[in-house]
Protein backbone atom coordinates (compact mmCIF):
# COMPACT_ATOMS: atom_id res chain seq x y z
CA MET A 1 31.97 36.31 25.42
CA SER A 2 29.34 34.39 27.44
CA ASP A 3 26.86 31.96 25.92
CA GLN A 4 23.95 34.20 26.95
CA ASN A 5 25.40 37.21 25.08
CA THR A 6 26.02 35.04 21.99
CA ASN A 7 22.44 33.72 22.10
CA ASP A 8 21.06 37.26 22.48
CA GLN A 9 23.06 38.43 19.44
CA VAL A 10 21.83 35.49 17.32
CA ILE A 11 18.21 36.23 18.29
CA ASP A 12 18.67 39.94 17.52
CA ASN A 13 20.15 39.09 14.09
CA LEU A 14 17.26 36.72 13.30
CA ASN A 15 14.71 39.34 14.35
CA ASP A 16 16.40 41.91 12.08
CA GLN A 17 16.32 39.46 9.15
CA ASN A 18 12.67 38.53 9.73
CA GLU A 19 11.60 42.18 9.44
CA ASN A 20 12.72 42.14 5.77
CA LEU A 21 11.03 38.84 4.84
CA THR A 22 7.82 38.67 2.87
CA GLY A 23 5.98 35.55 1.80
CA SER A 24 2.89 34.17 0.23
CA LEU A 25 0.97 30.93 0.42
CA ALA A 26 1.97 28.20 -2.02
CA GLN A 27 -0.57 27.44 -4.72
CA PHE A 28 -1.15 23.80 -5.73
CA ASP A 29 -3.36 22.22 -8.36
CA GLU A 30 -6.63 20.87 -7.02
CA PHE A 31 -6.48 17.12 -6.24
CA ASP A 32 -9.14 15.26 -8.17
CA SER A 33 -9.91 12.05 -6.27
CA SER A 34 -12.29 10.92 -9.02
CA THR A 35 -9.46 10.55 -11.54
CA LYS A 36 -9.41 7.01 -12.86
CA THR A 37 -6.06 5.22 -12.90
CA SER A 38 -7.21 2.38 -15.13
CA GLY A 39 -7.82 2.80 -18.82
CA GLY A 40 -4.63 4.76 -19.55
CA ALA A 41 -6.01 8.30 -19.26
CA ASN A 42 -3.92 9.34 -16.26
CA ASP A 43 -0.58 10.77 -17.43
CA LYS A 44 0.44 11.81 -13.90
CA LEU A 45 1.09 8.18 -12.96
CA SER A 46 2.50 6.99 -16.28
CA PHE A 47 6.04 6.81 -14.88
CA LEU A 48 4.88 4.10 -12.45
CA LYS A 49 3.40 1.77 -15.06
CA ASP A 50 6.63 -0.23 -15.52
CA LEU A 51 7.13 -0.76 -11.78
CA HIS A 52 6.95 -4.42 -10.67
CA MET A 53 4.89 -5.23 -7.60
CA ASN A 54 4.67 -8.41 -5.52
CA ILE A 55 1.24 -10.04 -5.75
CA TYR A 56 0.11 -12.99 -3.69
CA ILE A 57 -3.14 -14.85 -3.26
CA GLU A 58 -4.29 -16.02 0.14
CA LEU A 59 -6.39 -19.16 0.08
CA GLY A 60 -6.88 -19.14 3.85
CA ARG A 61 -5.10 -19.37 7.19
CA THR A 62 -4.75 -21.73 10.09
CA GLN A 63 -2.75 -22.19 13.27
CA MET A 64 -0.76 -25.28 14.11
CA GLN A 65 1.35 -26.37 17.03
CA ILE A 66 5.07 -26.64 16.38
CA LYS A 67 5.00 -30.39 17.05
CA ASP A 68 2.40 -30.82 14.27
CA ILE A 69 4.42 -28.70 11.86
CA LEU A 70 7.51 -30.83 12.54
CA GLU A 71 5.48 -33.99 11.79
CA LEU A 72 4.33 -32.79 8.35
CA GLU A 73 4.94 -35.32 5.58
CA ARG A 74 4.24 -35.55 1.89
CA GLY A 75 0.48 -35.96 1.36
CA TYR A 76 -0.51 -34.31 4.65
CA VAL A 77 -3.59 -32.08 4.28
CA ILE A 78 -3.81 -28.78 6.18
CA GLU A 79 -7.33 -27.52 6.74
CA LEU A 80 -7.76 -23.77 6.22
CA ASP A 81 -10.27 -21.36 7.79
CA LYS A 82 -12.12 -20.67 4.53
CA LEU A 83 -14.76 -22.70 2.77
CA ALA A 84 -14.03 -23.95 -0.75
CA SER A 85 -16.79 -21.69 -2.13
CA GLU A 86 -15.44 -18.51 -0.51
CA PRO A 87 -13.42 -16.01 -2.57
CA VAL A 88 -9.66 -15.84 -2.14
CA ASP A 89 -7.92 -12.57 -1.23
CA VAL A 90 -5.56 -10.80 -3.65
CA PHE A 91 -2.76 -8.75 -2.06
CA VAL A 92 -0.28 -6.30 -3.60
CA ASN A 93 2.65 -5.40 -1.37
CA ASN A 94 0.79 -6.80 1.64
CA LYS A 95 -2.37 -4.73 1.02
CA LYS A 96 -5.65 -6.38 0.02
CA ILE A 97 -6.80 -5.00 -3.30
CA ALA A 98 -9.32 -7.57 -4.53
CA GLU A 99 -11.15 -10.84 -4.10
CA GLY A 100 -11.41 -13.56 -6.68
CA GLU A 101 -12.10 -17.16 -7.50
CA VAL A 102 -9.57 -19.82 -8.39
CA VAL A 103 -9.63 -20.97 -12.03
CA VAL A 104 -7.50 -23.38 -14.05
CA ILE A 105 -5.83 -22.08 -17.22
CA ASP A 106 -4.29 -24.96 -19.18
CA LYS A 107 -2.18 -26.57 -16.44
CA HIS A 108 -1.82 -23.46 -14.27
CA PHE A 109 -3.91 -21.90 -11.54
CA GLY A 110 -5.27 -18.40 -12.02
CA ILE A 111 -7.56 -15.97 -10.24
CA ARG A 112 -10.68 -14.41 -11.74
CA ILE A 113 -11.22 -11.07 -10.00
CA THR A 114 -14.76 -10.88 -8.63
CA SER A 115 -14.54 -7.66 -6.61
CA LEU A 116 -12.08 -4.83 -6.03
CA VAL A 117 -11.43 -2.90 -2.85
CA ASP A 118 -12.74 0.67 -3.12
CA PRO A 119 -10.08 2.88 -4.81
CA ALA A 120 -10.21 5.41 -1.96
CA GLN A 121 -9.47 2.62 0.52
CA ARG A 122 -6.58 1.34 -1.66
CA ILE A 123 -5.01 4.82 -1.64
CA LYS A 124 -5.59 5.15 2.12
CA ASP A 125 -3.85 1.80 2.72
CA LEU A 126 -0.68 3.10 1.06
CA TYR A 127 0.01 5.30 4.08
């Protein structure tokens, strides 16, 4: 049997099967973008609450030539592109979620959050 005849038979069989099919549109719950995820009221995301995420704080950035990097020694100071009074950026999994200021807690550094990225933008950045 030729390939063309086989293809014609497959198409005829599919057409016969499609005549007996009925369907309907899927119904989904309405997405409520105003639902708050903080405060514990959102049960839909409760399974994610124990998930660990990488957080890092960016004080600033700079560019250096390789020869200067190779000459770094203990005590060398690298100047960054931000002023000391500017907020630092808080990132979760490489996405900026907040800005804050550096604080000292006992002998450790910490960050006091001063502003958060809009929740809609945080969700958009996940994609």
